[in-house]
Amino acid sequence: MDTRRIVRSSIMEGETEDARESARRLKPVSKAALKKIRARLAERSSRAKAETSQRQVSPKPLPRYDEVFAEGQRWLDTLAGEPIASEEGRLSLSEDLWRSGSRGEPKLP
């Protein structure tokens, strides 16, 4: 890693003197050190995934679709009343509908 590029870019971006000084003090990182860092990050990531999967629990028992369920559906259908009859026809709307106030955006304060 070339720290001179970091210093130059930080000067161009208008960073503070402290940021430029810390960029000058950066030391190159060896490939072995990078490998260790990547291994630690991978370990942390796998631990976090394992903890998350332990916290997530699938619902038990699974829902039952049995006679009680079917009877409940029939009861709910009776509460809804008679089914709506299917009809065919032509619906015509006034052209004023497209310019109505309800189609516009609400007036915000």
N, C-alpha and C. Protein backbone atom coordinates (compact mmCIF):
# COMPACT_ATOMS: atom_id res chain seq x y z
N MET A 1 0.86 -1.18 0.00
CA MET A 1 0.00 0.00 0.00
C MET A 1 0.90 1.23 0.00
N ASP A 2 0.62 2.13 -0.88
CA ASP A 2 1.41 3.35 -0.98
C ASP A 2 0.71 4.45 -0.20
N THR A 3 1.29 4.85 0.92
CA THR A 3 0.65 5.85 1.78
C THR A 3 0.73 7.24 1.18
N ARG A 4 1.62 7.44 0.24
CA ARG A 4 1.71 8.76 -0.37
C ARG A 4 0.43 9.10 -1.12
N ARG A 5 -0.19 8.11 -1.73
CA ARG A 5 -1.44 8.36 -2.45
C ARG A 5 -2.54 8.75 -1.48
N ILE A 6 -2.56 8.10 -0.32
CA ILE A 6 -3.57 8.42 0.68
C ILE A 6 -3.39 9.85 1.16
N VAL A 7 -2.14 10.25 1.40
CA VAL A 7 -1.87 11.61 1.88
C VAL A 7 -2.29 12.61 0.82
N ARG A 8 -1.93 12.34 -0.43
CA ARG A 8 -2.30 13.26 -1.50
C ARG A 8 -3.81 13.40 -1.63
N SER A 9 -4.52 12.26 -1.58
CA SER A 9 -5.96 12.33 -1.75
C SER A 9 -6.61 13.02 -0.56
N SER A 10 -6.07 12.82 0.64
CA SER A 10 -6.66 13.48 1.81
C SER A 10 -6.43 14.98 1.76
N ILE A 11 -5.31 15.41 1.21
CA ILE A 11 -5.06 16.84 1.08
C ILE A 11 -6.03 17.43 0.07
N MET A 12 -6.26 16.70 -1.03
CA MET A 12 -7.15 17.20 -2.05
C MET A 12 -8.59 17.27 -1.53
N GLU A 13 -8.97 16.33 -0.65
CA GLU A 13 -10.33 16.31 -0.14
C GLU A 13 -10.54 17.28 1.01
N GLY A 14 -9.48 17.95 1.44
CA GLY A 14 -9.60 18.96 2.48
C GLY A 14 -9.69 18.38 3.88
N GLU A 15 -9.05 17.24 4.14
CA GLU A 15 -9.09 16.66 5.46
C GLU A 15 -8.18 17.44 6.41
N THR A 16 -8.35 17.20 7.67
CA THR A 16 -7.57 17.92 8.68
C THR A 16 -6.13 17.44 8.71
N GLU A 17 -5.32 18.19 9.39
CA GLU A 17 -3.89 17.84 9.51
C GLU A 17 -3.72 16.53 10.26
N ASP A 18 -4.56 16.26 11.26
CA ASP A 18 -4.47 15.01 12.02
C ASP A 18 -4.70 13.81 11.12
N ALA A 19 -5.66 13.92 10.22
CA ALA A 19 -5.94 12.82 9.31
C ALA A 19 -4.77 12.60 8.37
N ARG A 20 -4.17 13.67 7.91
CA ARG A 20 -3.00 13.54 7.03
C ARG A 20 -1.82 12.93 7.76
N GLU A 21 -1.65 13.31 9.02
CA GLU A 21 -0.53 12.78 9.81
C GLU A 21 -0.71 11.29 10.06
N SER A 22 -1.94 10.88 10.37
CA SER A 22 -2.18 9.46 10.62
C SER A 22 -1.99 8.66 9.33
N ALA A 23 -2.29 9.24 8.19
CA ALA A 23 -2.07 8.56 6.92
C ALA A 23 -0.58 8.38 6.66
N ARG A 24 0.21 9.32 7.08
CA ARG A 24 1.67 9.20 6.90
C ARG A 24 2.23 8.09 7.77
N ARG A 25 1.60 7.85 8.94
CA ARG A 25 2.12 6.85 9.87
C ARG A 25 1.68 5.43 9.53
N LEU A 26 0.84 5.25 8.52
CA LEU A 26 0.40 3.91 8.16
C LEU A 26 1.58 3.08 7.69
N LYS A 27 1.61 1.84 8.15
CA LYS A 27 2.68 0.94 7.74
C LYS A 27 2.11 -0.07 6.76
N PRO A 28 2.91 -0.51 5.82
CA PRO A 28 2.42 -1.52 4.89
C PRO A 28 2.06 -2.80 5.65
N VAL A 29 1.03 -3.48 5.20
CA VAL A 29 0.59 -4.71 5.84
C VAL A 29 1.03 -5.88 4.98
N SER A 30 1.65 -6.86 5.62
CA SER A 30 2.14 -8.02 4.88
C SER A 30 0.99 -8.93 4.47
N LYS A 31 1.26 -9.79 3.51
CA LYS A 31 0.22 -10.72 3.04
C LYS A 31 -0.18 -11.68 4.14
N ALA A 32 0.78 -12.07 4.97
CA ALA A 32 0.48 -12.99 6.07
C ALA A 32 -0.46 -12.32 7.08
N ALA A 33 -0.21 -11.03 7.38
CA ALA A 33 -1.06 -10.31 8.32
C ALA A 33 -2.47 -10.16 7.74
N LEU A 34 -2.56 -9.86 6.46
CA LEU A 34 -3.86 -9.75 5.81
C LEU A 34 -4.61 -11.08 5.86
N LYS A 35 -3.88 -12.17 5.68
CA LYS A 35 -4.49 -13.49 5.73
C LYS A 35 -5.06 -13.76 7.12
N LYS A 36 -4.32 -13.38 8.17
CA LYS A 36 -4.79 -13.56 9.55
C LYS A 36 -6.04 -12.72 9.82
N ILE A 37 -6.02 -11.49 9.34
CA ILE A 37 -7.17 -10.59 9.53
C ILE A 37 -8.40 -11.16 8.84
N ARG A 38 -8.22 -11.63 7.61
CA ARG A 38 -9.35 -12.21 6.88
C ARG A 38 -9.89 -13.45 7.59
N ALA A 39 -8.99 -14.27 8.15
CA ALA A 39 -9.42 -15.47 8.86
C ALA A 39 -10.23 -15.08 10.10
N ARG A 40 -9.78 -14.05 10.84
CA ARG A 40 -10.53 -13.60 12.02
C ARG A 40 -11.90 -13.06 11.64
N LEU A 41 -11.94 -12.29 10.55
CA LEU A 41 -13.23 -11.76 10.09
C LEU A 41 -14.18 -12.87 9.66
N ALA A 42 -13.66 -13.89 8.98
CA ALA A 42 -14.49 -15.01 8.57
C ALA A 42 -15.02 -15.76 9.79
N GLU A 43 -14.17 -15.92 10.81
CA GLU A 43 -14.60 -16.60 12.04
C GLU A 43 -15.71 -15.80 12.74
N ARG A 44 -15.53 -14.50 12.84
CA ARG A 44 -16.55 -13.65 13.45
C ARG A 44 -17.87 -13.74 12.69
N SER A 45 -17.76 -13.72 11.37
CA SER A 45 -18.95 -13.78 10.53
C SER A 45 -19.68 -15.10 10.72
N SER A 46 -18.95 -16.21 10.75
CA SER A 46 -19.59 -17.51 10.92
C SER A 46 -20.22 -17.62 12.31
N ARG A 47 -19.57 -17.05 13.35
CA ARG A 47 -20.14 -17.07 14.69
C ARG A 47 -21.44 -16.27 14.74
N ALA A 48 -21.44 -15.10 14.09
CA ALA A 48 -22.62 -14.26 14.07
C ALA A 48 -23.77 -14.96 13.35
N LYS A 49 -23.49 -15.64 12.25
CA LYS A 49 -24.52 -16.38 11.52
C LYS A 49 -25.07 -17.51 12.37
N ALA A 50 -24.19 -18.20 13.10
CA ALA A 50 -24.64 -19.30 13.96
C ALA A 50 -25.54 -18.79 15.08
N GLU A 51 -25.17 -17.65 15.67
CA GLU A 51 -25.99 -17.08 16.74
C GLU A 51 -27.35 -16.65 16.22
N THR A 52 -27.37 -16.09 15.02
CA THR A 52 -28.63 -15.65 14.43
C THR A 52 -29.53 -16.84 14.15
N SER A 53 -28.96 -17.91 13.62
CA SER A 53 -29.79 -19.08 13.30
C SER A 53 -30.31 -19.74 14.57
N GLN A 54 -29.58 -19.64 15.68
CA GLN A 54 -30.06 -20.20 16.95
C GLN A 54 -31.22 -19.39 17.50
N ARG A 55 -31.23 -18.08 17.26
CA ARG A 55 -32.30 -17.23 17.77
C ARG A 55 -33.58 -17.39 16.97
N GLN A 56 -33.47 -17.73 15.69
CA GLN A 56 -34.64 -17.86 14.84
C GLN A 56 -35.22 -19.26 15.00
N VAL A 57 -36.47 -19.32 15.39
CA VAL A 57 -37.13 -20.60 15.66
C VAL A 57 -38.29 -20.75 14.69
N SER A 58 -38.37 -21.91 14.07
CA SER A 58 -39.49 -22.15 13.16
C SER A 58 -40.75 -22.42 13.99
N PRO A 59 -41.91 -22.02 13.47
CA PRO A 59 -43.14 -22.21 14.24
C PRO A 59 -43.48 -23.69 14.39
N LYS A 60 -43.79 -24.06 15.60
CA LYS A 60 -44.18 -25.45 15.87
C LYS A 60 -45.39 -25.42 16.76
N PRO A 61 -46.35 -26.20 16.60
CA PRO A 61 -46.53 -27.13 15.50
C PRO A 61 -46.98 -26.41 14.23
N LEU A 62 -46.80 -27.07 13.11
CA LEU A 62 -47.23 -26.50 11.84
C LEU A 62 -48.76 -26.40 11.82
N PRO A 63 -49.31 -25.48 11.05
CA PRO A 63 -50.77 -25.32 11.03
C PRO A 63 -51.46 -26.60 10.51
N ARG A 64 -52.62 -26.88 11.07
CA ARG A 64 -53.38 -28.07 10.68
C ARG A 64 -54.48 -27.66 9.71
N TYR A 65 -54.57 -28.35 8.61
CA TYR A 65 -55.66 -28.15 7.67
C TYR A 65 -56.52 -29.41 7.72
N ASP A 66 -57.32 -29.51 8.76
CA ASP A 66 -58.14 -30.69 8.97
C ASP A 66 -59.62 -30.31 8.91
N GLU A 67 -60.47 -31.17 9.43
CA GLU A 67 -61.91 -30.95 9.39
C GLU A 67 -62.31 -29.71 10.19
N VAL A 68 -61.62 -29.44 11.29
CA VAL A 68 -61.93 -28.25 12.10
C VAL A 68 -61.66 -26.99 11.28
N PHE A 69 -60.58 -26.99 10.55
CA PHE A 69 -60.24 -25.85 9.69
C PHE A 69 -61.30 -25.65 8.62
N ALA A 70 -61.67 -26.72 7.95
CA ALA A 70 -62.66 -26.64 6.88
C ALA A 70 -64.00 -26.16 7.44
N GLU A 71 -64.38 -26.65 8.62
CA GLU A 71 -65.64 -26.23 9.24
C GLU A 71 -65.60 -24.74 9.58
N GLY A 72 -64.46 -24.26 10.05
CA GLY A 72 -64.30 -22.83 10.34
C GLY A 72 -64.43 -21.98 9.10
N GLN A 73 -63.87 -22.46 7.99
CA GLN A 73 -64.01 -21.73 6.73
C GLN A 73 -65.46 -21.66 6.28
N ARG A 74 -66.17 -22.76 6.40
CA ARG A 74 -67.59 -22.76 6.01
C ARG A 74 -68.38 -21.78 6.88
N TRP A 75 -68.09 -21.74 8.18
CA TRP A 75 -68.78 -20.83 9.09
C TRP A 75 -68.52 -19.38 8.71
N LEU A 76 -67.26 -19.05 8.40
CA LEU A 76 -66.93 -17.68 7.98
C LEU A 76 -67.64 -17.32 6.69
N ASP A 77 -67.74 -18.27 5.77
CA ASP A 77 -68.44 -18.01 4.51
C ASP A 77 -69.92 -17.71 4.75
N THR A 78 -70.52 -18.37 5.75
CA THR A 78 -71.93 -18.08 6.03
C THR A 78 -72.10 -16.68 6.60
N LEU A 79 -71.10 -16.18 7.32
CA LEU A 79 -71.18 -14.82 7.86
C LEU A 79 -71.10 -13.77 6.76
N ALA A 80 -70.45 -14.12 5.65
CA ALA A 80 -70.29 -13.18 4.55
C ALA A 80 -71.59 -12.96 3.79
N GLY A 81 -72.53 -13.87 3.90
CA GLY A 81 -73.80 -13.73 3.19
C GLY A 81 -73.77 -14.44 1.85
N GLU A 82 -74.71 -14.09 1.01
CA GLU A 82 -74.82 -14.73 -0.30
C GLU A 82 -73.64 -14.31 -1.19
N PRO A 83 -73.17 -15.23 -2.02
CA PRO A 83 -72.09 -14.85 -2.93
C PRO A 83 -72.57 -13.82 -3.95
N ILE A 84 -71.69 -12.97 -4.38
CA ILE A 84 -72.03 -11.93 -5.35
C ILE A 84 -72.13 -12.58 -6.73
N ALA A 85 -73.22 -12.28 -7.42
CA ALA A 85 -73.45 -12.85 -8.75
C ALA A 85 -72.52 -12.20 -9.76
N SER A 86 -72.07 -13.00 -10.68
CA SER A 86 -71.21 -12.51 -11.75
C SER A 86 -72.08 -11.82 -12.80
N GLU A 87 -71.66 -10.67 -13.27
CA GLU A 87 -72.41 -9.94 -14.28
C GLU A 87 -71.48 -9.45 -15.37
N GLU A 88 -72.04 -9.24 -16.51
CA GLU A 88 -71.29 -8.67 -17.63
C GLU A 88 -71.97 -7.37 -18.02
N GLY A 89 -71.21 -6.44 -18.52
CA GLY A 89 -71.80 -5.18 -18.93
C GLY A 89 -70.71 -4.19 -19.32
N ARG A 90 -71.12 -2.97 -19.53
CA ARG A 90 -70.19 -1.92 -19.92
C ARG A 90 -70.31 -0.79 -18.91
N LEU A 91 -69.20 -0.33 -18.41
CA LEU A 91 -69.17 0.73 -17.42
C LEU A 91 -68.65 1.99 -18.09
N SER A 92 -69.37 3.06 -17.96
CA SER A 92 -68.91 4.32 -18.55
C SER A 92 -68.73 5.34 -17.42
N LEU A 93 -67.64 6.06 -17.49
CA LEU A 93 -67.29 7.06 -16.50
C LEU A 93 -67.22 8.43 -17.16
N SER A 94 -67.53 9.44 -16.40
CA SER A 94 -67.48 10.80 -16.90
C SER A 94 -66.02 11.22 -17.10
N GLU A 95 -65.76 12.03 -18.10
CA GLU A 95 -64.41 12.53 -18.34
C GLU A 95 -63.95 13.45 -17.21
N ASP A 96 -64.90 14.05 -16.48
CA ASP A 96 -64.55 14.93 -15.36
C ASP A 96 -63.86 14.17 -14.24
N LEU A 97 -64.03 12.88 -14.21
CA LEU A 97 -63.41 12.05 -13.18
C LEU A 97 -61.89 12.19 -13.20
N TRP A 98 -61.30 12.31 -14.37
CA TRP A 98 -59.83 12.35 -14.49
C TRP A 98 -59.27 13.66 -13.98
N ARG A 99 -60.07 14.69 -13.92
CA ARG A 99 -59.59 16.00 -13.44
C ARG A 99 -60.09 16.31 -12.03
N SER A 100 -60.63 15.32 -11.35
CA SER A 100 -61.20 15.58 -10.03
C SER A 100 -60.10 15.85 -9.00
N GLY A 101 -60.48 16.49 -7.93
CA GLY A 101 -59.52 16.83 -6.88
C GLY A 101 -58.96 15.62 -6.15
N SER A 102 -59.72 14.55 -6.14
CA SER A 102 -59.24 13.34 -5.44
C SER A 102 -58.10 12.66 -6.19
N ARG A 103 -57.92 12.95 -7.47
CA ARG A 103 -56.81 12.34 -8.22
C ARG A 103 -55.51 13.10 -8.07
N GLY A 104 -55.56 14.32 -7.58
CA GLY A 104 -54.34 15.12 -7.44
C GLY A 104 -53.60 14.78 -6.15
N GLU A 105 -52.43 15.34 -6.02
CA GLU A 105 -51.65 15.14 -4.81
C GLU A 105 -52.24 15.97 -3.68
N PRO A 106 -52.19 15.46 -2.47
CA PRO A 106 -52.74 16.24 -1.36
C PRO A 106 -51.90 17.48 -1.10
N LYS A 107 -52.54 18.50 -0.63
CA LYS A 107 -51.82 19.74 -0.34
C LYS A 107 -51.14 19.59 1.01
N LEU A 108 -49.84 19.66 0.98
CA LEU A 108 -49.06 19.49 2.21
C LEU A 108 -48.85 20.84 2.88
N PRO A 109 -48.82 20.85 4.21
CA PRO A 109 -48.62 22.13 4.90
C PRO A 109 -47.23 22.67 4.70
